[in-house]
Protein backbone atom coordinates (compact mmCIF):
# COMPACT_ATOMS: atom_id res chain seq x y z
CA MET A 1 41.81 -6.94 17.17
CA THR A 2 43.03 -5.19 14.04
CA ARG A 3 43.59 -1.49 14.53
CA GLY A 4 40.88 0.81 13.24
CA MET A 5 38.22 -1.88 12.88
CA THR A 6 35.05 -0.45 14.41
CA ARG A 7 31.36 -0.42 13.64
CA ASN A 8 29.08 2.57 14.07
CA ARG A 9 25.86 1.45 15.75
CA GLN A 10 23.01 3.89 16.08
CA VAL A 11 19.58 3.41 17.64
CA VAL A 12 16.95 5.62 16.00
CA GLY A 13 16.59 8.75 18.06
CA LYS A 14 19.76 8.12 20.13
CA PRO A 15 23.43 9.16 19.70
CA ALA A 16 25.61 6.75 17.80
CA GLU A 17 27.98 4.50 19.73
CA VAL A 18 31.07 2.79 18.33
CA ILE A 19 31.27 -0.97 18.87
CA PRO A 20 34.45 -2.94 18.08
CA LEU A 21 34.16 -5.39 15.22
CA PRO A 22 35.20 -9.02 15.66
CA ALA A 23 38.28 -10.32 13.90
CA PRO A 24 37.95 -10.58 10.12
CA ASP A 25 36.26 -13.71 8.84
CA LYS A 26 38.78 -15.98 7.17
CA ALA A 27 36.22 -16.99 4.57
CA PRO A 28 34.11 -13.91 3.81
CA VAL A 29 33.03 -15.26 0.43
CA GLU A 30 31.63 -18.46 1.90
CA ALA A 31 29.87 -16.55 4.69
CA LYS A 32 28.21 -14.24 2.19
CA LYS A 33 26.86 -17.18 0.22
CA LYS A 34 25.23 -18.60 3.36
CA ARG A 35 23.46 -15.37 4.32
CA LYS A 36 19.85 -16.13 5.21
CA SER A 37 17.01 -14.24 3.56
CA VAL A 38 13.24 -14.12 3.94
CA GLU A 39 10.41 -13.02 1.62
CA PRO A 40 9.15 -9.43 2.14
CA VAL A 41 5.81 -10.68 3.48
CA GLN A 42 4.63 -10.23 7.08
CA ALA A 43 3.48 -13.85 7.30
CA ALA A 44 6.94 -15.06 6.26
CA VAL A 45 8.63 -12.93 8.93
CA ASP A 46 6.12 -14.07 11.56
CA ALA A 47 6.92 -17.67 10.68
CA LEU A 48 10.67 -17.27 11.37
CA PRO A 49 11.57 -19.24 14.51
CA TYR A 50 12.79 -17.37 17.56
CA GLY A 51 16.49 -17.66 18.16
CA SER A 52 17.23 -18.25 14.48
CA GLY A 53 19.55 -15.26 14.12
CA THR A 54 19.56 -12.44 11.57
CA TRP A 55 17.71 -12.62 8.25
CA ARG A 56 17.94 -10.27 5.28
CA ILE A 57 14.60 -8.95 4.00
CA GLU A 58 14.53 -9.56 0.24
CA GLY A 59 13.98 -6.49 -1.92
CA SER A 60 14.77 -3.94 0.84
CA MET A 61 18.25 -2.46 0.78
CA GLY A 62 20.04 -3.00 4.07
CA LEU A 63 16.98 -4.18 6.03
CA TYR A 64 17.34 -7.17 8.38
CA VAL A 65 15.21 -8.83 11.02
CA ARG A 66 16.95 -10.24 14.08
CA CYS A 67 15.21 -13.18 15.74
CA ARG A 68 16.26 -13.36 19.36
CA ALA A 69 15.09 -15.87 21.98
CA LYS A 70 11.82 -14.03 22.68
CA SER A 71 11.65 -11.08 20.28
CA LYS A 72 12.06 -10.02 16.67
CA SER A 73 13.44 -6.61 15.82
CA TYR A 74 14.50 -4.84 12.62
CA LEU A 75 17.74 -3.09 11.82
CA VAL A 76 19.28 -1.26 8.88
CA GLN A 77 22.95 -1.43 8.01
CA ARG A 78 25.03 0.22 5.32
CA LYS A 79 28.68 0.94 4.66
CA VAL A 80 29.45 4.65 4.81
CA ALA A 81 32.99 5.85 4.16
CA GLY A 82 34.30 2.33 4.67
CA ARG A 83 32.51 1.74 7.99
CA LEU A 84 29.44 -0.34 8.63
CA VAL A 85 26.73 1.83 10.16
CA GLN A 86 23.92 -0.01 11.90
CA CYS A 87 20.59 1.56 12.92
CA VAL A 88 18.28 -0.44 15.17
CA LEU A 89 14.60 0.11 14.35
CA GLY A 90 13.13 -2.09 17.07
CA GLU A 91 9.97 -4.20 17.07
CA LEU A 92 7.80 -2.89 14.22
CA SER A 93 5.51 -4.26 11.56
CA LEU A 94 7.28 -5.20 8.34
CA ALA A 95 5.56 -2.38 6.44
CA ALA A 96 6.66 0.24 9.00
CA ALA A 97 10.19 -1.18 9.07
CA ARG A 98 10.47 -1.02 5.27
CA ARG A 99 9.32 2.61 5.19
CA GLU A 100 11.80 3.59 7.91
CA ALA A 101 14.58 1.55 6.30
CA GLN A 102 14.14 3.30 2.95
CA ARG A 103 14.44 6.70 4.61
CA ILE A 104 17.48 5.74 6.68
CA TRP A 105 19.24 3.98 3.79
CA ARG A 106 18.91 7.10 1.68
CA ASP A 107 19.93 9.51 4.45
CA LEU A 108 22.98 7.49 5.51
CA LYS A 109 24.65 8.02 2.14
CA PRO A 110 26.06 11.53 1.65
CA MET A 111 24.94 13.33 -1.48
CA ALA A 112 27.21 13.28 -4.46
CA PRO A 113 29.42 16.29 -5.15
CA GLU A 114 27.50 19.47 -5.95
CA GLY A 115 24.27 17.82 -4.80
CA LYS A 116 24.02 15.57 -7.88
CA ILE A 117 22.14 12.34 -7.32
CA THR A 118 23.94 9.02 -7.68
CA LEU A 119 22.59 5.89 -9.28
CA GLY A 120 22.33 4.18 -5.89
CA GLU A 121 20.32 7.06 -4.42
CA ALA A 122 18.10 7.29 -7.49
CA TRP A 123 17.44 3.54 -7.36
CA ALA A 124 16.54 3.65 -3.65
CA ARG A 125 14.22 6.64 -4.09
CA TYR A 126 12.50 4.96 -7.02
CA LEU A 127 11.76 1.90 -4.89
CA GLU A 128 10.57 4.12 -2.04
CA GLU A 129 8.29 6.36 -4.06
CA ARG A 130 6.88 4.02 -6.68
CA PRO A 131 3.96 1.65 -5.83
CA LEU A 132 5.66 -1.57 -6.90
CA ALA A 133 4.72 -5.14 -6.11
CA PRO A 134 7.03 -6.94 -3.61
CA LYS A 135 8.44 -9.26 -6.29
CA THR A 136 9.13 -6.30 -8.60
CA ARG A 137 11.05 -4.62 -5.78
CA VAL A 138 13.12 -7.75 -5.37
CA ILE A 139 13.92 -7.78 -9.10
CA TYR A 140 14.97 -4.10 -9.08
CA SER A 141 17.12 -4.57 -5.97
CA GLU A 142 18.82 -7.67 -7.33
CA ASN A 143 19.57 -6.00 -10.66
CA ILE A 144 21.54 -3.16 -9.12
CA ALA A 145 23.17 -5.42 -6.52
CA ARG A 146 24.35 -8.01 -9.04
CA TYR A 147 25.05 -6.12 -12.24
CA LEU A 148 25.44 -2.39 -11.42
CA SER A 149 26.80 -2.42 -7.86
CA ASP A 150 30.08 -0.72 -8.81
CA TRP A 151 28.09 2.13 -10.42
CA ARG A 152 26.06 3.00 -7.32
CA GLY A 153 28.37 5.89 -6.49
CA ARG A 154 28.35 7.32 -10.04
CA THR A 155 26.04 10.25 -10.67
CA LEU A 156 23.18 9.88 -13.11
CA GLU A 157 24.66 12.79 -15.02
CA ALA A 158 28.01 11.02 -15.46
CA ILE A 159 26.30 7.80 -16.58
CA GLY A 160 24.07 9.72 -18.98
CA GLN A 161 27.13 11.33 -20.59
CA ASP A 162 28.94 7.98 -20.87
CA ARG A 163 26.88 6.30 -23.59
CA ALA A 164 29.77 4.15 -24.78
CA GLY A 165 30.47 2.91 -21.26
CA PHE A 166 26.81 2.17 -20.63
CA ARG A 167 26.52 0.27 -23.89
CA ALA A 168 29.63 -1.75 -23.05
CA ARG A 169 28.24 -2.63 -19.62
CA ILE A 170 24.90 -3.91 -20.96
CA LEU A 171 26.60 -5.93 -23.71
CA LYS A 172 28.93 -7.43 -21.11
CA ILE A 173 25.93 -8.46 -18.99
CA SER A 174 24.40 -10.04 -22.09
CA ARG A 175 27.55 -12.05 -22.83
CA GLU A 176 28.09 -13.23 -19.26
CA HIS A 177 24.52 -13.67 -17.99
CA GLY A 178 22.33 -13.93 -21.06
CA LEU A 179 20.10 -11.72 -23.17
CA ALA A 180 17.10 -11.96 -20.83
CA VAL A 181 19.10 -10.66 -17.84
CA ALA A 182 20.61 -7.85 -19.90
CA SER A 183 17.18 -6.80 -21.18
CA GLN A 184 15.71 -6.82 -17.68
CA THR A 185 18.60 -4.75 -16.28
CA LEU A 186 18.23 -2.30 -19.16
CA ARG A 187 14.49 -1.92 -18.52
CA CYS A 188 15.03 -1.31 -14.81
CA PHE A 189 17.72 1.30 -15.43
CA ARG A 190 15.61 3.04 -18.08
CA ALA A 191 12.65 3.27 -15.66
CA VAL A 192 14.78 4.71 -12.83
CA TYR A 193 16.53 7.19 -15.11
CA ALA A 194 13.29 8.39 -16.74
CA TYR A 195 11.66 8.82 -13.31
CA HIS A 196 14.44 11.11 -12.06
CA ARG A 197 14.73 12.98 -15.33
CA LYS A 198 11.22 14.29 -14.66
CA ILE A 199 12.61 15.85 -11.47
CA ALA A 200 15.93 16.90 -13.00
CA PRO A 201 15.16 17.77 -16.64
CA ASP A 202 18.76 18.92 -17.20
CA LEU A 203 19.96 15.31 -17.10
CA PRO A 204 21.32 14.07 -20.45
CA GLU A 205 19.17 11.85 -22.61
CA CYS A 206 18.98 8.32 -21.23
CA PRO A 207 22.08 6.39 -22.37
CA ALA A 208 19.86 3.37 -23.10
CA VAL A 209 19.34 4.88 -26.58
CA ALA A 210 22.85 3.67 -27.41
CA VAL A 211 21.94 0.03 -26.71
CA ASP A 212 20.17 -2.07 -29.33
CA LEU A 213 19.65 -5.55 -27.93
CA PRO A 214 18.01 -8.16 -30.15
CA GLY A 215 14.44 -9.01 -29.23
CA ILE A 216 13.76 -12.07 -27.12
CA LYS A 217 11.75 -14.64 -29.03
CA PRO A 218 8.46 -15.69 -27.40
CA ARG A 219 8.73 -19.03 -25.66
CA ASP A 220 6.82 -21.90 -27.25
CA TRP A 221 5.92 -23.31 -23.85
CA ALA A 222 2.41 -24.66 -24.41
CA LEU A 223 2.32 -28.43 -23.79
CA SER A 224 1.20 -30.81 -26.52
CA ASP A 225 -1.41 -33.50 -25.78
CA ASP A 226 1.32 -36.10 -25.18
CA GLU A 227 3.20 -33.70 -22.89
CA LEU A 228 0.01 -32.98 -20.96
CA ARG A 229 -0.51 -36.70 -20.38
CA GLN A 230 3.11 -37.03 -19.20
CA TRP A 231 2.52 -34.03 -16.92
CA TRP A 232 -0.57 -35.65 -15.44
CA ALA A 233 1.34 -38.89 -14.81
CA GLY A 234 3.94 -36.88 -12.87
CA VAL A 235 1.34 -34.95 -10.87
CA GLN A 236 -0.38 -38.16 -9.75
CA ARG A 237 2.84 -39.18 -7.99
CA LEU A 238 2.77 -36.07 -5.78
CA LYS A 239 1.25 -35.68 -2.33
CA PRO A 240 -2.26 -34.17 -2.08
CA LEU A 241 -1.03 -30.61 -1.33
CA LYS A 242 1.19 -30.40 -4.40
CA GLN A 243 -1.29 -32.32 -6.56
CA THR A 244 -4.05 -29.83 -5.70
CA LEU A 245 -1.70 -26.90 -6.31
CA TRP A 246 -0.76 -28.08 -9.81
CA LEU A 247 -4.34 -28.87 -10.78
CA THR A 248 -5.34 -25.35 -9.69
CA LEU A 249 -2.57 -23.93 -11.86
CA LEU A 250 -3.70 -26.05 -14.81
CA LEU A 251 -7.41 -25.20 -14.55
CA THR A 252 -6.99 -21.45 -13.99
CA GLY A 253 -3.89 -20.63 -16.04
CA ALA A 254 -2.83 -18.37 -13.17
CA ARG A 255 0.72 -17.44 -12.26
CA ARG A 256 2.56 -19.55 -9.70
CA ASP A 257 2.56 -16.90 -6.96
CA SER A 258 -1.10 -16.03 -7.55
CA VAL A 259 -2.03 -19.63 -6.69
CA ARG A 260 0.63 -20.11 -4.02
CA MET A 261 -0.62 -17.07 -2.08
CA LEU A 262 -4.31 -18.04 -2.19
CA ARG A 263 -6.23 -17.78 1.07
CA TRP A 264 -9.45 -19.67 1.75
CA ALA A 265 -11.13 -16.27 2.00
CA ASP A 266 -10.31 -15.83 -1.71
CA VAL A 267 -12.25 -18.97 -2.68
CA ASP A 268 -16.01 -18.44 -2.92
CA PHE A 269 -17.59 -21.90 -3.14
CA ASP A 270 -21.12 -20.51 -3.24
CA ARG A 271 -20.49 -18.39 -6.34
CA ARG A 272 -17.75 -20.74 -7.59
CA VAL A 273 -15.29 -17.88 -8.04
CA ILE A 274 -11.59 -17.51 -7.16
CA ARG A 275 -10.11 -14.10 -6.44
CA PHE A 276 -6.37 -13.78 -7.00
CA SER A 277 -5.12 -11.04 -4.67
CA THR A 278 -1.47 -11.55 -5.68
CA ALA A 279 -0.86 -10.78 -9.34
CA LYS A 280 1.55 -8.94 -11.61
CA ALA A 281 1.83 -5.16 -11.18
CA GLY A 282 -0.25 -5.33 -8.00
CA ARG A 283 -3.45 -6.15 -9.90
CA THR A 284 -6.18 -8.36 -8.46
CA TYR A 285 -8.65 -10.32 -10.56
CA ALA A 286 -11.38 -12.92 -10.19
CA VAL A 287 -12.14 -15.94 -12.38
CA PRO A 288 -14.93 -18.53 -12.35
CA MET A 289 -14.07 -21.97 -10.97
CA PRO A 290 -14.92 -24.78 -13.36
CA ASP A 291 -16.90 -27.60 -11.74
CA ARG A 292 -13.95 -29.99 -11.50
CA LEU A 293 -11.73 -27.42 -9.78
CA ALA A 294 -14.49 -26.54 -7.29
CA ALA A 295 -14.75 -30.22 -6.38
CA ILE A 296 -10.96 -30.61 -6.11
CA LEU A 297 -10.61 -27.61 -3.77
CA ALA A 298 -13.61 -28.69 -1.67
CA ALA A 299 -12.05 -32.13 -1.19
CA TRP A 300 -8.68 -30.57 -0.32
CA ARG A 301 -10.28 -28.28 2.27
CA GLU A 302 -11.57 -31.35 4.13
CA GLN A 303 -8.07 -32.83 4.54
CA ALA A 304 -5.85 -29.73 4.55
CA PRO A 305 -4.22 -28.69 7.85
CA PRO A 306 -5.91 -25.76 9.64
CA SER A 307 -4.64 -22.55 8.02
CA GLU A 308 -5.84 -19.36 6.36
CA TRP A 309 -3.72 -20.41 3.37
CA VAL A 310 -5.10 -22.79 0.76
CA PHE A 311 -1.59 -24.19 0.28
CA PRO A 312 0.14 -23.86 3.67
CA SER A 313 3.84 -24.45 4.18
CA PRO A 314 4.63 -27.86 5.72
CA GLN A 315 7.69 -26.36 7.42
CA ARG A 316 6.50 -22.93 8.65
CA ALA A 317 3.48 -22.20 10.79
CA ASN A 318 0.90 -19.73 9.44
CA ALA A 319 2.76 -19.24 6.16
CA PRO A 320 2.07 -20.07 2.51
CA LEU A 321 3.96 -22.67 0.57
CA SER A 322 7.50 -21.62 -0.28
CA GLU A 323 8.34 -20.02 -3.64
CA GLN A 324 10.26 -23.17 -4.50
CA VAL A 325 7.29 -25.22 -5.72
CA ARG A 326 9.00 -26.64 -8.78
CA ASP A 327 8.78 -30.41 -9.25
CA ASP A 328 10.70 -30.73 -12.51
CA LYS A 329 12.69 -33.70 -11.20
CA ARG A 330 9.42 -35.60 -10.91
CA GLY A 331 8.39 -34.88 -14.47
CA VAL A 332 6.21 -31.85 -13.69
CA ALA A 333 6.57 -28.84 -16.02
CA SER A 334 6.85 -25.33 -14.61
CA ALA A 335 3.80 -23.25 -13.74
CA HIS A 336 4.43 -20.91 -16.67
CA HIS A 337 4.27 -23.82 -19.12
CA LEU A 338 0.73 -24.39 -17.84
CA ARG A 339 -0.07 -20.69 -18.25
CA HIS A 340 1.05 -20.82 -21.88
CA SER A 341 -0.98 -23.99 -22.36
CA TYR A 342 -4.11 -22.36 -20.91
CA ARG A 343 -3.85 -19.38 -23.24
CA THR A 344 -3.23 -21.65 -26.23
CA VAL A 345 -6.32 -23.74 -25.45
CA LEU A 346 -8.38 -20.54 -25.16
CA ALA A 347 -7.25 -19.63 -28.67
CA GLN A 348 -8.01 -23.14 -29.94
CA ILE A 349 -11.61 -23.03 -28.69
CA GLY A 350 -12.21 -19.54 -30.12
CA CYS A 351 -12.30 -17.50 -26.91
CA PRO A 352 -12.55 -13.73 -27.71
CA PRO A 353 -9.33 -11.81 -26.95
CA ASP A 354 -10.89 -9.60 -24.26
CA SER A 355 -12.33 -12.62 -22.45
CA ALA A 356 -8.95 -14.36 -22.67
CA ARG A 357 -7.25 -11.30 -21.14
CA LEU A 358 -9.69 -11.30 -18.23
CA LEU A 359 -9.24 -15.02 -17.59
CA MET A 360 -5.44 -14.62 -17.66
CA GLY A 361 -5.42 -11.53 -15.42
CA HIS A 362 -3.76 -9.45 -18.14
CA SER A 363 -4.10 -5.68 -18.34
CA LEU A 364 -6.98 -4.26 -20.37
CA SER A 365 -5.02 -1.13 -21.25
CA GLY A 366 -4.07 -0.53 -24.85
CA ASP A 367 -7.03 1.29 -26.34
CA VAL A 368 -9.84 3.50 -25.08
CA SER A 369 -12.64 1.02 -25.73
CA ARG A 370 -10.99 -1.82 -23.80
CA GLY A 371 -10.34 0.50 -20.88
CA TYR A 372 -14.11 0.94 -20.50
CA ILE A 373 -14.57 -2.73 -19.51
CA THR A 374 -15.31 -3.33 -15.80
CA PRO A 375 -13.76 -6.76 -15.05
CA GLY A 376 -15.90 -7.42 -11.99
CA LEU A 377 -19.06 -7.42 -14.09
CA MET A 378 -17.62 -9.92 -16.58
CA THR A 379 -16.92 -12.90 -14.31
CA GLU A 380 -20.03 -14.94 -15.11
CA SER A 381 -19.67 -14.32 -18.84
CA LEU A 382 -16.25 -16.04 -18.61
CA ARG A 383 -17.62 -19.24 -17.07
CA PRO A 384 -18.42 -21.04 -20.37
CA TRP A 385 -14.84 -20.52 -21.52
CA ALA A 386 -13.38 -21.78 -18.22
CA GLU A 387 -15.60 -24.86 -18.45
CA ALA A 388 -14.58 -25.39 -22.10
CA VAL A 389 -10.90 -25.40 -21.12
CA GLN A 390 -11.66 -27.95 -18.41
CA LYS A 391 -13.50 -30.12 -20.94
CA ARG A 392 -10.54 -29.97 -23.33
CA TYR A 393 -8.12 -31.07 -20.60
CA SER A 394 -10.52 -33.84 -19.51
CA GLU A 395 -10.57 -35.25 -23.03
CA VAL A 396 -6.78 -35.17 -23.35
CA MET A 397 -6.04 -36.78 -19.97
CA GLY A 398 -8.97 -39.16 -19.84
CA TRP A 399 -10.71 -37.70 -16.82
CA PRO A 400 -14.27 -38.96 -16.26
């Protein structure tokens, strides 16, 4: 064993013990690429097979779940002063483990000189204190891990004073990873910096003012009539589960994860209403089911495997379909193409903007009058527009 190679291992509430590390891995890069990860959803963790080893929880810094032969326990690990410190949390719910992990992750890292907060600490506290959706947390965590990892130890004050350096970093991200990635990283940093500047008003002005990225052009993703017919030809080659999934996406215009995470409890066949409990910014919204979609889902329920999920995973028990539901190789466009198509059809048939926002699950913020609308009381008024979209698609694809 190489001299000085040890790991600090601490069980919450117990003194730390030092455990020798194994010999260095000869291929650390390859091992890192193969690291297993799991979605930050309790059902996904429950579905992990026993004895499958250690899995990283996406979107939670340093949090892992270890699947032993007969138990699953959480742990937090972080490098401190060059050593890997590991804190065992034990058998908890995912929500409790994430709360404890956020506290431990923050406390394990010593404060910056003179008590000034570092970017890494500010980022972790932002994720801990802000009510963000799980996917948003993943995006924030990946942004700092991939593009700002070497700045984690820099203080916010130092970054705020280094406008030229900050500008150079964002432009470098744009050159190497694209404008969309650079814009997203910039937005995340700006949100974290502004949040902590409320607490520490002496911080310099946000260095993002020195960056002027060109705007990203809206994507012309709506499918033409010919493209819709090609899409339908591709969907008909899929198995019933995927075919039902894509038709639900088409006839609701909902986001991929909103449909993927549907439970049967969210589908009200009596009222012919679908409630999307997974949506952007943690919003929930309900839309009327057009007649064809109600019939499609009713038929699927008769043949679907027993599960609380409308679209259960074929590989994992009691879990929704994986995030990887793309079928582009079979000629099926992405879910967001269908969302663009739905909104375009609404415009074509003259749907009022507020009704279109409600059908799409978009925010009603923007002016005082719109904020007075109660979405739950508008569901039935949206039904004619949902049926009109269905009729338009039926005409294009030749449905009876």
